[in-house]
Amino acid sequence: MTAARLGPGERDAALDHMAGNELDVLVVGGGIVGAGVALDAVSRGLSVGLVEARDFASGTSSRSSKLIHGGLRYLEQLDFALVREALTERGLLLGRIAPHLVRPVPFLFPLRHHWERPYVGAGVALYDALSLTSTHTRGLPAHRHLTRRGAQRIFPALRRDALVGAVRYWDAQVDDARYVVTVLRTAATYGAHLASRTQAVGFLREGEHVTGARVVDLERGREFPIRAKQVVNAAGVWTDDIQQMVGGRGQIHVRASKGVHLVVPRDRIQASSGLILRTEKSVLFVIPWGRHWIIGTTDTAWDLDKAHPAASRADIDYVLDHVNAVLKTPLTRDDVEGVYAGLRPLLSGESDETSKLSREHTVAHPVPGLVLIAGGKYTTYRVMAKDAVDAVAHGLGGGVPESVTDRLPLVGADGYAVLWNQRRALARRAGLHVSRIQHLLRRYGSLVHEVLELVAERPDLGEPLTGADDYLRAEVVYAVLCEGARHLDDVLSRRTHIAIETWDRGLAAAEEAARLMAGPLGWDNGQIAREVEYYRKRIEAERAAQEQDSDHEADAVQHGAPDIVPQAAAARL
């Protein structure tokens, strides 16, 4: 089966279809949970539409720690069921659903005192044991106990007095934004209709029953209804806002927790493994990420603008202080290439500390025709989606088949292992270095042929992008033609991660990328200039916010930047 494209023409066709036909399910929200719901529903034979007010994965789902993991710290909270569920999903993603996008990564857990070894060792042993409870998972190497000398061979950057030994264990990581787009392309391949930059502004009602939503196409400024038998709201941190639209007291309450991550060059920390550190509030990860490290995260309540979570100077200093406590050569603010902030949607409990709120998810049917799904974590998105569609099936009166997504590979997965083995031959045929082919295979899997076809048609697209030479020019064009990118920020921040992986945050690459996008999107020189200017102002606002001492000051600066897309008049959902 050929993978569906999410290009400009496909978006227009999807909107036309949703405007003219009643759907079984309309999904509001294009993050990982909304994408998972769309795939689960369409693979059960339901007619599905999905709308997203901004770019796909533009919120929490592109600003995570980029880990697929069970959550080792939840064992300490005795949340064994959540850890087991997440580890089962980790195995499915690694071995069956997305082996081209999810890959193993080792972590070192330093021990500060000898008495910690039996305690930590027992926890990690249980973590490994829980991962073996599913018969459908791909195993990872078992944990190992290390002496101080053994740990420093793996992680030479650690100070000698920072540990007496360590435990090494394995988890997995993912390019979070790319994964969301791949789930959406898989859903579209099976018949789902998807549209970004399309904002739901209200619900259609027949008495008490929700029968669809009114939406605004933000690209064209037109408003129209989409009729659906069931609406699933996968709005993440906006869940409470959605409940207010249907009246009455909400059944689900969500609090936003801000997580800030720093990106530093790989040569700043000498190590061949990731690192996990305890903090007074949560845990801190040092995660290998190509030619970089991702270091994070913070865990603090956020009650300001949900669309523009901002990292402050205090956030950056907090992360640096904690990682520097164990490094021989401390990092400074000058070592930081990129910074990003995201919001976790946590189910409210009695605790005032967001780090202690539940990461489990819940599904509610507040009024007939409307399903709400909230909470959870990236790793368990598929289970969340299944539970939401089970609620949809109940609302439809039954007769809907069971979920099949636990055995449904995403587009790009089939044939990936063979292509990886053939990567040198593939490189010779394409006229590219084998490292370029490895990069493409890890991003597109067996869809790599679609990218290479662009290079064959236009050899200049096989050149690296100026100012961001980890990426080929072809990847920018492919993002527009096949992956739903509509604006420059979509490409530089989510289809690639140039915005956090380069010292200038992608400014040197911006104009060339915009000109590559102009052809398939029909931009003139004026629109190219506007896209570059919007992007530049957004980067300036982010940098300025990171110089502010408090969240309120940082949010005020960040919120003052222009939107990447000039918005049509519409109320925010």
Protein backbone atom coordinates (compact mmCIF):
# COMPACT_ATOMS: atom_id res chain seq x y z
CA MET A 1 0.00 0.00 0.00
CA THR A 2 1.33 3.41 -1.00
CA ALA A 3 1.55 5.87 1.89
CA ALA A 4 -0.88 8.78 1.68
CA ARG A 5 0.48 12.28 1.23
CA LEU A 6 -0.46 15.23 3.42
CA GLY A 7 0.28 17.88 0.81
CA PRO A 8 -1.62 21.12 0.04
CA GLY A 9 -4.01 19.39 -2.37
CA GLU A 10 -4.77 16.62 0.09
CA ARG A 11 -5.59 19.17 2.81
CA ASP A 12 -8.08 20.95 0.54
CA ALA A 13 -9.68 17.64 -0.43
CA ALA A 14 -9.94 16.61 3.23
CA LEU A 15 -11.69 19.86 4.17
CA ASP A 16 -14.09 19.54 1.25
CA HIS A 17 -14.95 15.99 2.29
CA MET A 18 -15.46 16.91 5.94
CA ALA A 19 -17.66 19.87 4.97
CA GLY A 20 -19.88 17.75 2.74
CA ASN A 21 -20.25 14.45 4.60
CA GLU A 22 -21.27 13.30 8.07
CA LEU A 23 -18.42 11.47 9.75
CA ASP A 24 -18.55 8.71 12.31
CA VAL A 25 -15.80 10.45 14.29
CA LEU A 26 -14.35 13.95 14.28
CA VAL A 27 -11.11 14.32 16.25
CA VAL A 28 -10.17 17.78 17.54
CA GLY A 29 -6.43 17.98 18.19
CA GLY A 30 -3.47 16.92 16.07
CA GLY A 31 -0.95 15.89 18.72
CA ILE A 32 0.08 12.30 19.42
CA VAL A 33 -3.18 11.37 21.16
CA GLY A 34 -5.41 12.86 18.46
CA ALA A 35 -3.30 11.20 15.77
CA GLY A 36 -3.56 7.88 17.62
CA VAL A 37 -7.35 8.22 17.92
CA ALA A 38 -7.66 8.92 14.19
CA LEU A 39 -5.60 5.82 13.33
CA ASP A 40 -7.38 3.57 15.81
CA ALA A 41 -10.81 4.69 14.61
CA VAL A 42 -10.15 4.45 10.87
CA SER A 43 -8.48 1.05 11.27
CA ARG A 44 -11.72 -0.19 12.90
CA GLY A 45 -13.70 0.79 9.80
CA LEU A 46 -15.07 4.16 10.97
CA SER A 47 -15.12 7.30 8.82
CA VAL A 48 -12.76 9.78 10.45
CA GLY A 49 -11.83 13.43 10.22
CA LEU A 50 -9.25 15.35 12.25
CA VAL A 51 -8.66 19.09 12.62
CA GLU A 52 -5.76 20.88 14.29
CA ALA A 53 -5.71 24.63 14.93
CA ARG A 54 -1.98 24.99 14.35
CA ASP A 55 0.58 22.62 12.87
CA PHE A 56 0.43 18.92 13.63
CA ALA A 57 2.36 18.20 16.87
CA SER A 58 2.92 21.92 17.46
CA GLY A 59 2.14 21.67 21.19
CA THR A 60 3.28 19.15 23.76
CA SER A 61 3.95 16.44 21.18
CA SER A 62 6.98 18.20 19.70
CA ARG A 63 8.37 19.44 23.02
CA SER A 64 8.81 16.25 25.01
CA SER A 65 11.95 14.57 26.32
CA LYS A 66 11.74 12.44 23.17
CA LEU A 67 11.80 9.25 25.25
CA ILE A 68 9.77 6.08 24.92
CA HIS A 69 10.03 4.66 28.41
CA GLY A 70 8.22 3.02 31.26
CA GLY A 71 8.93 5.78 33.73
CA LEU A 72 11.42 4.38 36.19
CA ARG A 73 10.46 6.97 38.82
CA TYR A 74 6.86 5.73 38.86
CA LEU A 75 8.05 2.50 40.45
CA GLU A 76 9.01 4.58 43.48
CA GLN A 77 5.39 5.78 43.56
CA LEU A 78 4.30 2.10 43.42
CA ASP A 79 2.46 2.70 40.16
CA PHE A 80 3.31 -0.74 38.80
CA ALA A 81 0.36 -0.93 36.39
CA LEU A 82 1.37 2.30 34.63
CA VAL A 83 4.98 1.16 34.31
CA ARG A 84 3.99 -2.27 33.00
CA GLU A 85 1.63 -0.72 30.45
CA ALA A 86 4.26 1.74 29.25
CA LEU A 87 6.96 -0.93 28.98
CA THR A 88 4.63 -3.13 26.95
CA GLU A 89 4.03 -0.22 24.58
CA ARG A 90 7.78 0.46 24.42
CA GLY A 91 8.33 -3.10 23.22
CA LEU A 92 5.57 -2.87 20.61
CA LEU A 93 6.95 0.38 19.21
CA LEU A 94 10.52 -0.93 19.07
CA GLY A 95 9.73 -4.29 17.57
CA ARG A 96 6.60 -4.02 15.48
CA ILE A 97 4.88 -0.67 15.12
CA ALA A 98 7.76 1.73 14.42
CA PRO A 99 11.23 0.14 14.42
CA HIS A 100 12.36 2.85 11.98
CA LEU A 101 11.51 5.68 14.38
CA VAL A 102 12.01 4.23 17.88
CA ARG A 103 15.44 3.02 18.90
CA PRO A 104 17.14 1.75 22.08
CA VAL A 105 19.24 4.08 24.21
CA PRO A 106 21.32 3.18 27.30
CA PHE A 107 21.22 5.19 30.53
CA LEU A 108 23.55 5.34 33.49
CA PHE A 109 22.05 5.72 36.98
CA PRO A 110 24.89 7.00 39.23
CA LEU A 111 24.92 5.87 42.84
CA ARG A 112 26.01 8.49 45.38
CA HIS A 113 26.16 6.09 48.36
CA HIS A 114 26.89 2.39 48.65
CA TRP A 115 23.58 1.76 50.44
CA GLU A 116 21.73 2.87 47.28
CA ARG A 117 22.91 -0.10 45.23
CA PRO A 118 20.46 -2.74 46.55
CA TYR A 119 17.57 -0.22 46.48
CA VAL A 120 18.23 1.09 42.96
CA GLY A 121 19.29 -2.33 41.73
CA ALA A 122 16.02 -3.89 42.89
CA GLY A 123 14.03 -1.13 41.19
CA VAL A 124 15.84 -1.51 37.87
CA ALA A 125 15.57 -5.31 38.08
CA LEU A 126 11.81 -4.95 38.55
CA TYR A 127 11.77 -2.51 35.61
CA ASP A 128 13.43 -5.14 33.41
CA ALA A 129 11.09 -7.86 34.70
CA LEU A 130 7.96 -5.84 33.97
CA SER A 131 9.14 -5.31 30.40
CA LEU A 132 9.10 -9.08 29.88
CA THR A 133 5.46 -9.55 30.92
CA SER A 134 4.20 -9.02 27.35
CA THR A 135 4.72 -11.70 24.72
CA HIS A 136 4.68 -9.05 21.98
CA THR A 137 7.70 -7.00 23.01
CA ARG A 138 11.23 -6.81 21.72
CA GLY A 139 13.71 -7.30 24.51
CA LEU A 140 16.44 -4.83 25.40
CA PRO A 141 19.73 -5.70 27.11
CA ALA A 142 19.40 -6.41 30.81
CA HIS A 143 20.67 -3.91 33.35
CA ARG A 144 24.24 -4.13 34.66
CA HIS A 145 25.85 -3.08 37.91
CA LEU A 146 29.04 -1.06 37.46
CA THR A 147 31.88 0.00 39.70
CA ARG A 148 32.91 3.64 39.75
CA ARG A 149 35.73 2.88 37.32
CA GLY A 150 33.38 0.98 35.01
CA ALA A 151 30.87 3.81 35.07
CA GLN A 152 33.52 6.39 34.24
CA ARG A 153 34.68 4.35 31.25
CA ILE A 154 31.18 4.72 29.84
CA PHE A 155 30.69 8.30 31.04
CA PRO A 156 34.15 9.91 31.42
CA ALA A 157 32.59 13.35 31.92
CA LEU A 158 31.37 12.39 35.42
CA ARG A 159 33.24 13.75 38.41
CA ARG A 160 34.87 11.02 40.47
CA ASP A 161 33.26 12.29 43.68
CA ALA A 162 29.80 12.30 42.05
CA LEU A 163 29.37 8.52 42.32
CA VAL A 164 30.55 5.36 44.04
CA GLY A 165 29.20 3.16 41.26
CA ALA A 166 26.28 2.98 38.86
CA VAL A 167 23.58 0.86 37.27
CA ARG A 168 23.26 0.82 33.50
CA TYR A 169 19.83 0.12 31.98
CA TRP A 170 18.08 0.59 28.62
CA ASP A 171 15.09 2.55 27.39
CA ALA A 172 14.19 4.01 23.99
CA GLN A 173 13.86 7.36 22.23
CA VAL A 174 11.90 8.86 19.34
CA ASP A 175 11.70 11.98 17.20
CA ASP A 176 8.39 13.00 18.74
CA ALA A 177 7.10 15.39 16.06
CA ARG A 178 8.10 13.09 13.20
CA TYR A 179 6.36 10.20 14.90
CA VAL A 180 3.09 12.16 15.09
CA VAL A 181 3.23 12.97 11.37
CA THR A 182 3.93 9.30 10.61
CA VAL A 183 0.90 8.17 12.64
CA LEU A 184 -1.22 10.73 10.77
CA ARG A 185 0.07 9.60 7.38
CA THR A 186 -0.76 6.02 8.35
CA ALA A 187 -4.29 7.10 9.31
CA ALA A 188 -4.66 8.97 6.01
CA THR A 189 -3.42 5.90 4.14
CA TYR A 190 -6.38 3.97 5.56
CA GLY A 191 -8.85 6.74 4.71
CA ALA A 192 -8.81 9.39 7.46
CA HIS A 193 -9.31 13.03 6.40
CA LEU A 194 -6.84 15.42 8.07
CA ALA A 195 -6.42 19.19 8.11
CA SER A 196 -4.02 21.39 10.06
CA ARG A 197 -4.52 25.17 10.50
CA THR A 198 -8.21 24.43 11.00
CA GLN A 199 -9.61 25.59 14.33
CA ALA A 200 -12.73 24.28 16.05
CA VAL A 201 -14.60 27.30 17.45
CA GLY A 202 -17.75 25.67 18.81
CA PHE A 203 -19.86 22.53 18.88
CA LEU A 204 -22.94 21.69 16.82
CA ARG A 205 -25.82 20.64 19.05
CA GLU A 206 -29.16 18.89 18.67
CA GLY A 207 -30.63 19.42 22.12
CA GLU A 208 -28.15 17.93 24.56
CA HIS A 209 -26.40 15.88 21.88
CA VAL A 210 -23.15 17.08 20.26
CA THR A 211 -23.42 16.46 16.52
CA GLY A 212 -20.17 17.96 15.23
CA ALA A 213 -18.17 21.16 15.36
CA ARG A 214 -17.93 24.54 13.68
CA VAL A 215 -14.45 25.11 12.32
CA VAL A 216 -12.51 27.92 10.69
CA ASP A 217 -10.00 27.26 7.92
CA LEU A 218 -7.32 29.66 9.15
CA GLU A 219 -5.55 29.62 5.80
CA ARG A 220 -8.58 30.95 3.90
CA GLY A 221 -10.69 32.51 6.64
CA ARG A 222 -13.83 30.51 5.87
CA GLU A 223 -16.04 29.05 8.58
CA PHE A 224 -18.19 25.93 8.11
CA PRO A 225 -19.73 23.04 10.07
CA ILE A 226 -18.42 19.47 10.20
CA ARG A 227 -21.11 16.98 11.16
CA ALA A 228 -20.10 13.85 13.10
CA LYS A 229 -21.86 11.17 15.12
CA GLN A 230 -19.15 11.41 17.78
CA VAL A 231 -16.56 14.11 18.51
CA VAL A 232 -13.35 13.20 20.33
CA ASN A 233 -11.53 16.06 21.97
CA ALA A 234 -7.84 15.34 22.36
CA ALA A 235 -6.89 18.87 23.35
CA GLY A 236 -4.27 18.06 26.00
CA VAL A 237 -3.70 21.07 28.24
CA TRP A 238 -6.81 22.75 26.77
CA THR A 239 -9.12 20.00 28.07
CA ASP A 240 -10.73 22.16 30.76
CA ASP A 241 -11.41 24.92 28.22
CA ILE A 242 -13.26 22.44 26.02
CA GLN A 243 -15.42 21.25 28.88
CA GLN A 244 -16.52 24.81 29.56
CA MET A 245 -17.85 25.04 26.01
CA VAL A 246 -20.39 22.29 26.64
CA GLY A 247 -21.53 23.79 29.96
CA GLY A 248 -21.70 22.31 33.43
CA ARG A 249 -18.92 21.10 35.68
CA GLY A 250 -16.22 19.17 33.91
CA GLN A 251 -15.58 15.51 34.59
CA ILE A 252 -11.86 15.85 33.89
CA HIS A 253 -9.52 18.44 35.36
CA VAL A 254 -6.09 18.97 33.86
CA ARG A 255 -3.19 21.02 35.16
CA ALA A 256 -0.32 22.09 32.93
CA SER A 257 3.22 21.33 34.04
CA LYS A 258 6.05 23.07 32.23
CA GLY A 259 9.08 21.10 31.16
CA VAL A 260 12.16 22.89 29.83
CA HIS A 261 14.95 21.16 27.88
CA LEU A 262 18.38 22.39 26.79
CA VAL A 263 20.29 21.22 23.72
CA VAL A 264 24.10 21.24 23.78
CA PRO A 265 26.71 19.92 21.31
CA ARG A 266 27.79 16.31 21.74
CA ASP A 267 31.42 17.28 22.32
CA ARG A 268 30.55 19.22 25.48
CA ILE A 269 29.93 15.99 27.41
CA GLN A 270 32.24 13.01 26.89
CA ALA A 271 30.08 9.92 27.22
CA SER A 272 28.69 6.95 25.29
CA SER A 273 25.48 6.63 27.29
CA GLY A 274 22.63 8.75 28.55
CA LEU A 275 22.38 9.74 32.20
CA ILE A 276 19.54 9.92 34.72
CA LEU A 277 19.86 11.99 37.90
CA ARG A 278 17.58 12.41 40.87
CA THR A 279 16.55 15.97 41.73
CA GLU A 280 14.58 17.31 44.67
CA LYS A 281 11.48 17.56 42.45
CA SER A 282 11.77 14.90 39.79
CA VAL A 283 14.52 13.41 37.63
CA LEU A 284 16.93 14.95 35.15
CA PHE A 285 17.94 13.22 31.92
CA VAL A 286 21.00 13.72 29.73
CA ILE A 287 19.88 12.14 26.47
CA PRO A 288 22.03 11.45 23.39
CA TRP A 289 20.48 13.10 20.31
CA GLY A 290 22.55 12.71 17.15
CA ARG A 291 25.36 15.28 17.32
CA HIS A 292 23.80 16.80 20.44
CA TRP A 293 22.63 16.13 23.98
CA ILE A 294 19.15 16.96 25.25
CA ILE A 295 19.19 17.85 28.97
CA GLY A 296 15.99 18.16 30.99
CA THR A 297 13.57 18.56 32.36
CA THR A 298 11.92 20.94 34.81
CA ASP A 299 8.52 20.20 36.34
CA THR A 300 6.69 23.34 37.44
CA ALA A 301 3.07 24.46 37.35
CA TRP A 302 2.13 26.74 34.42
CA ASP A 303 -1.02 28.87 34.39
CA LEU A 304 -0.06 31.42 31.72
CA ASP A 305 -0.53 31.35 27.92
CA LYS A 306 -0.83 27.69 26.94
CA ALA A 307 0.01 28.36 23.31
CA HIS A 308 3.42 29.87 24.13
CA PRO A 309 5.08 28.18 27.12
CA ALA A 310 8.27 30.10 27.78
CA ALA A 311 11.60 29.08 29.26
CA SER A 312 12.98 31.67 31.68
CA ARG A 313 16.54 32.32 32.83
CA ALA A 314 15.67 30.57 36.11
CA ASP A 315 14.64 27.40 34.20
CA ILE A 316 17.88 27.32 32.24
CA ASP A 317 19.97 27.92 35.35
CA TYR A 318 18.07 25.17 37.22
CA VAL A 319 18.91 22.58 34.56
CA LEU A 320 22.53 23.71 34.27
CA ASP A 321 23.03 23.75 38.05
CA HIS A 322 21.76 20.20 38.45
CA VAL A 323 23.73 18.67 35.59
CA ASN A 324 26.89 20.60 36.54
CA ALA A 325 26.75 19.05 40.01
CA VAL A 326 28.08 15.81 38.48
CA LEU A 327 30.18 16.98 35.50
CA LYS A 328 33.96 17.43 35.56
CA THR A 329 33.70 20.35 33.13
CA PRO A 330 30.62 22.45 33.92
CA LEU A 331 28.36 23.67 31.14
CA THR A 332 27.66 27.38 30.78
CA ARG A 333 24.89 29.29 29.04
CA ASP A 334 27.33 29.77 26.14
CA ASP A 335 27.26 25.99 25.56
CA VAL A 336 23.50 25.95 25.01
CA GLU A 337 22.55 25.68 21.33
CA GLY A 338 18.81 25.41 21.80
CA VAL A 339 16.08 25.64 24.42
CA TYR A 340 12.49 24.44 24.22
CA ALA A 341 9.58 24.44 26.65
CA GLY A 342 6.49 22.23 26.60
CA LEU A 343 3.44 21.60 28.77
CA ARG A 344 2.43 18.22 30.16
CA PRO A 345 -1.32 17.66 30.62
CA LEU A 346 -1.53 16.12 34.10
CA LEU A 347 -4.72 14.90 35.71
CA SER A 348 -5.34 16.99 38.83
CA GLY A 349 -5.15 15.29 42.19
CA GLU A 350 -4.86 16.43 45.76
CA SER A 351 -1.15 17.20 45.49
CA ASP A 352 -0.04 20.78 44.95
CA GLU A 353 3.13 19.56 43.27
CA THR A 354 2.80 18.83 39.57
CA SER A 355 5.56 16.23 39.78
CA LYS A 356 3.26 14.11 41.97
CA LEU A 357 0.15 14.38 39.80
CA SER A 358 -1.00 11.32 37.87
CA ARG A 359 0.35 10.47 34.43
CA GLU A 360 -2.47 7.96 33.97
CA HIS A 361 -5.16 8.86 31.49
CA THR A 362 -8.92 8.99 31.72
CA VAL A 363 -11.81 9.04 29.25
CA ALA A 364 -15.13 10.81 29.85
CA HIS A 365 -18.44 11.22 28.02
CA PRO A 366 -19.58 14.58 29.49
CA VAL A 367 -22.53 14.90 27.11
CA PRO A 368 -23.89 12.57 24.42
CA GLY A 369 -21.78 12.74 21.29
CA LEU A 370 -18.63 14.10 22.95
CA VAL A 371 -15.69 12.06 24.23
CA LEU A 372 -12.83 13.63 26.20
CA ILE A 373 -9.44 11.96 26.59
CA ALA A 374 -6.78 13.47 28.86
CA GLY A 375 -3.69 12.68 30.91
CA GLY A 376 -1.28 9.90 30.03
CA LYS A 377 2.20 10.09 28.54
CA TYR A 378 3.62 9.93 25.03
CA THR A 379 4.65 6.28 25.37
CA THR A 380 1.08 5.12 26.09
CA TYR A 381 -0.66 7.15 23.37
CA ARG A 382 -1.86 3.99 21.59
CA VAL A 383 -3.63 2.67 24.70
CA MET A 384 -5.18 6.11 25.26
CA ALA A 385 -6.44 6.15 21.69
CA LYS A 386 -7.87 2.65 21.99
CA ASP A 387 -9.77 3.58 25.15
CA ALA A 388 -11.14 6.74 23.53
CA VAL A 389 -12.37 4.84 20.48
CA ASP A 390 -13.91 2.20 22.75
CA ALA A 391 -15.94 5.08 24.24
CA VAL A 392 -16.84 6.21 20.72
CA ALA A 393 -18.00 2.69 19.89
CA HIS A 394 -20.23 2.74 22.96
CA GLY A 395 -21.68 6.08 21.86
CA LEU A 396 -22.37 4.67 18.40
CA GLY A 397 -24.36 1.84 19.91
CA GLY A 398 -21.80 -0.93 19.50
CA GLY A 399 -20.94 -3.07 16.51
CA VAL A 400 -17.49 -1.51 16.09
CA PRO A 401 -14.60 -4.00 15.74
CA GLU A 402 -11.89 -4.24 18.37
CA SER A 403 -8.68 -2.22 18.06
CA VAL A 404 -5.96 -3.63 15.81
CA THR A 405 -3.28 -0.99 16.31
CA ASP A 406 -1.13 -3.26 18.47
CA ARG A 407 -0.31 -5.17 15.30
CA LEU A 408 -0.46 -2.35 12.75
CA PRO A 409 2.96 -1.09 11.58
CA LEU A 410 3.21 2.59 10.72
CA VAL A 411 4.09 3.64 7.19
CA GLY A 412 7.82 3.28 6.65
CA ALA A 413 8.16 0.28 8.98
CA ASP A 414 7.68 -2.52 6.44
CA GLY A 415 10.98 -3.33 4.75
CA TYR A 416 13.01 -1.02 6.98
CA ALA A 417 15.27 -3.76 8.36
CA VAL A 418 16.18 -4.95 4.86
CA LEU A 419 16.89 -1.43 3.63
CA TRP A 420 19.11 -0.80 6.67
CA ASN A 421 21.16 -3.88 5.74
CA GLN A 422 21.32 -2.62 2.14
CA ARG A 423 22.19 0.97 3.05
CA ARG A 424 25.63 0.94 1.38
CA ALA A 425 24.21 -0.27 -1.90
CA LEU A 426 21.40 2.25 -1.59
CA ALA A 427 23.97 5.01 -1.06
CA ARG A 428 25.89 3.99 -4.20
CA ARG A 429 22.75 4.01 -6.32
CA ALA A 430 21.65 7.39 -4.97
CA GLY A 431 25.11 8.96 -5.24
CA LEU A 432 25.04 9.94 -1.55
CA HIS A 433 27.34 9.14 1.35
CA VAL A 434 26.19 6.18 3.44
CA SER A 435 25.84 8.45 6.49
CA ARG A 436 23.23 10.47 4.58
CA ILE A 437 21.29 7.29 3.80
CA GLN A 438 21.44 6.23 7.46
CA HIS A 439 20.07 9.65 8.45
CA LEU A 440 17.22 9.31 5.94
CA LEU A 441 16.39 5.73 6.93
CA ARG A 442 16.13 6.72 10.61
CA ARG A 443 13.70 9.49 9.69
CA TYR A 444 11.61 7.93 6.92
CA GLY A 445 12.18 4.17 7.04
CA SER A 446 11.15 2.49 3.81
CA LEU A 447 9.61 5.79 2.63
CA VAL A 448 13.22 6.83 1.94
CA HIS A 449 12.58 5.99 -1.72
CA GLU A 450 10.13 8.89 -1.95
CA VAL A 451 12.80 11.32 -0.76
CA LEU A 452 15.41 9.85 -3.09
CA GLU A 453 13.02 10.18 -6.04
CA LEU A 454 13.01 13.93 -5.46
CA VAL A 455 16.81 13.91 -5.57
CA ALA A 456 16.81 11.88 -8.79
CA GLU A 457 14.44 14.40 -10.40
CA ARG A 458 16.35 17.43 -9.07
CA PRO A 459 19.97 16.64 -8.18
CA ASP A 460 20.34 19.99 -6.36
CA LEU A 461 17.96 18.63 -3.71
CA GLY A 462 20.66 16.10 -2.78
CA GLU A 463 22.79 18.94 -1.41
CA PRO A 464 22.75 19.85 2.31
CA LEU A 465 20.66 22.80 3.41
CA THR A 466 22.80 25.90 3.87
CA GLY A 467 23.26 26.62 7.56
CA ALA A 468 21.91 23.20 8.62
CA ASP A 469 23.99 20.60 6.82
CA ASP A 470 22.63 17.63 8.77
CA TYR A 471 19.55 17.88 6.52
CA LEU A 472 19.19 17.64 2.74
CA ARG A 473 17.33 20.24 0.68
CA ALA A 474 15.04 17.41 -0.46
CA GLU A 475 13.73 17.01 3.08
CA VAL A 476 12.30 20.53 3.03
CA VAL A 477 10.42 19.89 -0.21
CA TYR A 478 9.26 16.49 1.02
CA ALA A 479 7.91 18.05 4.22
CA VAL A 480 5.58 20.20 2.11
CA LEU A 481 4.59 17.61 -0.48
CA CYS A 482 4.02 14.68 1.85
CA GLU A 483 4.08 15.71 5.53
CA GLY A 484 1.62 18.58 5.86
CA ALA A 485 4.13 21.42 6.39
CA ARG A 486 2.41 24.73 5.58
CA HIS A 487 4.80 27.33 6.99
CA LEU A 488 8.51 27.84 7.57
CA ASP A 489 8.30 27.16 11.31
CA ASP A 490 6.64 23.81 10.58
CA VAL A 491 9.78 22.71 8.72
CA LEU A 492 12.49 24.23 10.90
CA SER A 493 10.93 23.36 14.27
CA ARG A 494 9.06 20.07 13.70
CA ARG A 495 9.70 18.26 10.38
CA THR A 496 13.35 18.91 11.20
CA HIS A 497 14.79 20.17 14.49
CA ILE A 498 17.01 22.84 12.96
CA ALA A 499 15.49 25.42 15.32
CA ILE A 500 17.11 23.76 18.36
CA GLU A 501 20.10 22.03 16.73
CA THR A 502 21.91 25.07 15.31
CA TRP A 503 23.60 27.95 17.12
CA ASP A 504 21.56 30.57 15.27
CA ARG A 505 18.29 28.64 15.80
CA GLY A 506 17.90 28.12 12.05
CA LEU A 507 18.11 31.73 10.91
CA ALA A 508 20.85 31.01 8.34
CA ALA A 509 18.74 28.25 6.80
CA ALA A 510 15.46 30.16 6.86
CA GLU A 511 15.48 31.92 3.49
CA GLU A 512 16.75 28.93 1.53
CA ALA A 513 14.18 26.68 3.20
CA ALA A 514 11.41 29.18 2.47
CA ARG A 515 12.40 29.33 -1.21
CA LEU A 516 12.33 25.53 -1.42
CA MET A 517 8.83 25.55 0.08
CA ALA A 518 7.63 28.31 -2.24
CA GLY A 519 7.22 26.12 -5.32
CA PRO A 520 4.81 23.48 -4.00
CA LEU A 521 2.95 26.06 -1.86
CA GLY A 522 2.70 28.72 -4.58
CA TRP A 523 4.40 31.49 -2.59
CA ASP A 524 5.57 34.69 -4.27
CA ASN A 525 8.59 36.70 -3.10
CA GLY A 526 6.41 38.70 -0.72
CA GLN A 527 5.18 35.58 1.05
CA ILE A 528 8.72 34.20 1.26
CA ALA A 529 9.86 37.41 2.95
CA ARG A 530 6.91 37.33 5.37
CA GLU A 531 7.62 33.73 6.36
CA VAL A 532 11.28 34.50 7.06
CA GLU A 533 10.35 37.63 9.03
CA TYR A 534 7.74 35.82 11.13
CA TYR A 535 10.28 33.11 11.91
CA ARG A 536 12.99 35.62 12.80
CA LYS A 537 10.69 37.48 15.20
CA ARG A 538 9.64 34.24 16.87
CA ILE A 539 13.27 33.27 17.48
CA GLU A 540 14.03 36.75 18.82
CA ALA A 541 11.08 36.48 21.21
CA GLU A 542 12.20 33.08 22.48
CA ARG A 543 15.73 34.33 23.09
CA ALA A 544 14.46 37.43 24.86
CA ALA A 545 12.14 35.32 27.05
CA GLN A 546 15.11 33.20 28.12
CA GLU A 547 16.79 36.30 29.54
CA GLN A 548 13.84 37.05 31.83
CA ASP A 549 14.00 36.03 35.47
CA SER A 550 10.43 34.79 35.95
CA ASP A 551 7.75 32.87 34.07
CA HIS A 552 5.49 35.92 33.96
CA GLU A 553 8.19 38.08 32.40
CA ALA A 554 9.21 35.39 29.93
CA ASP A 555 5.60 34.70 28.95
CA ALA A 556 4.94 38.39 28.34
CA VAL A 557 7.90 38.62 25.95
CA GLN A 558 7.12 35.33 24.19
CA HIS A 559 3.44 36.14 23.82
CA GLY A 560 4.33 39.47 22.23
CA ALA A 561 5.86 37.77 19.17
CA PRO A 562 3.71 37.44 16.03
CA ASP A 563 2.06 34.17 15.16
CA ILE A 564 3.76 32.32 12.36
CA VAL A 565 0.46 32.29 10.49
CA PRO A 566 -1.61 35.48 10.19
CA GLN A 567 -4.78 34.32 11.94
CA ALA A 568 -8.29 34.76 10.63
CA ALA A 569 -10.75 36.18 13.16
CA ALA A 570 -11.72 33.24 15.34
CA ALA A 571 -12.14 32.54 19.03
CA ARG A 572 -9.55 30.23 20.58
CA LEU A 573 -10.91 26.87 21.51
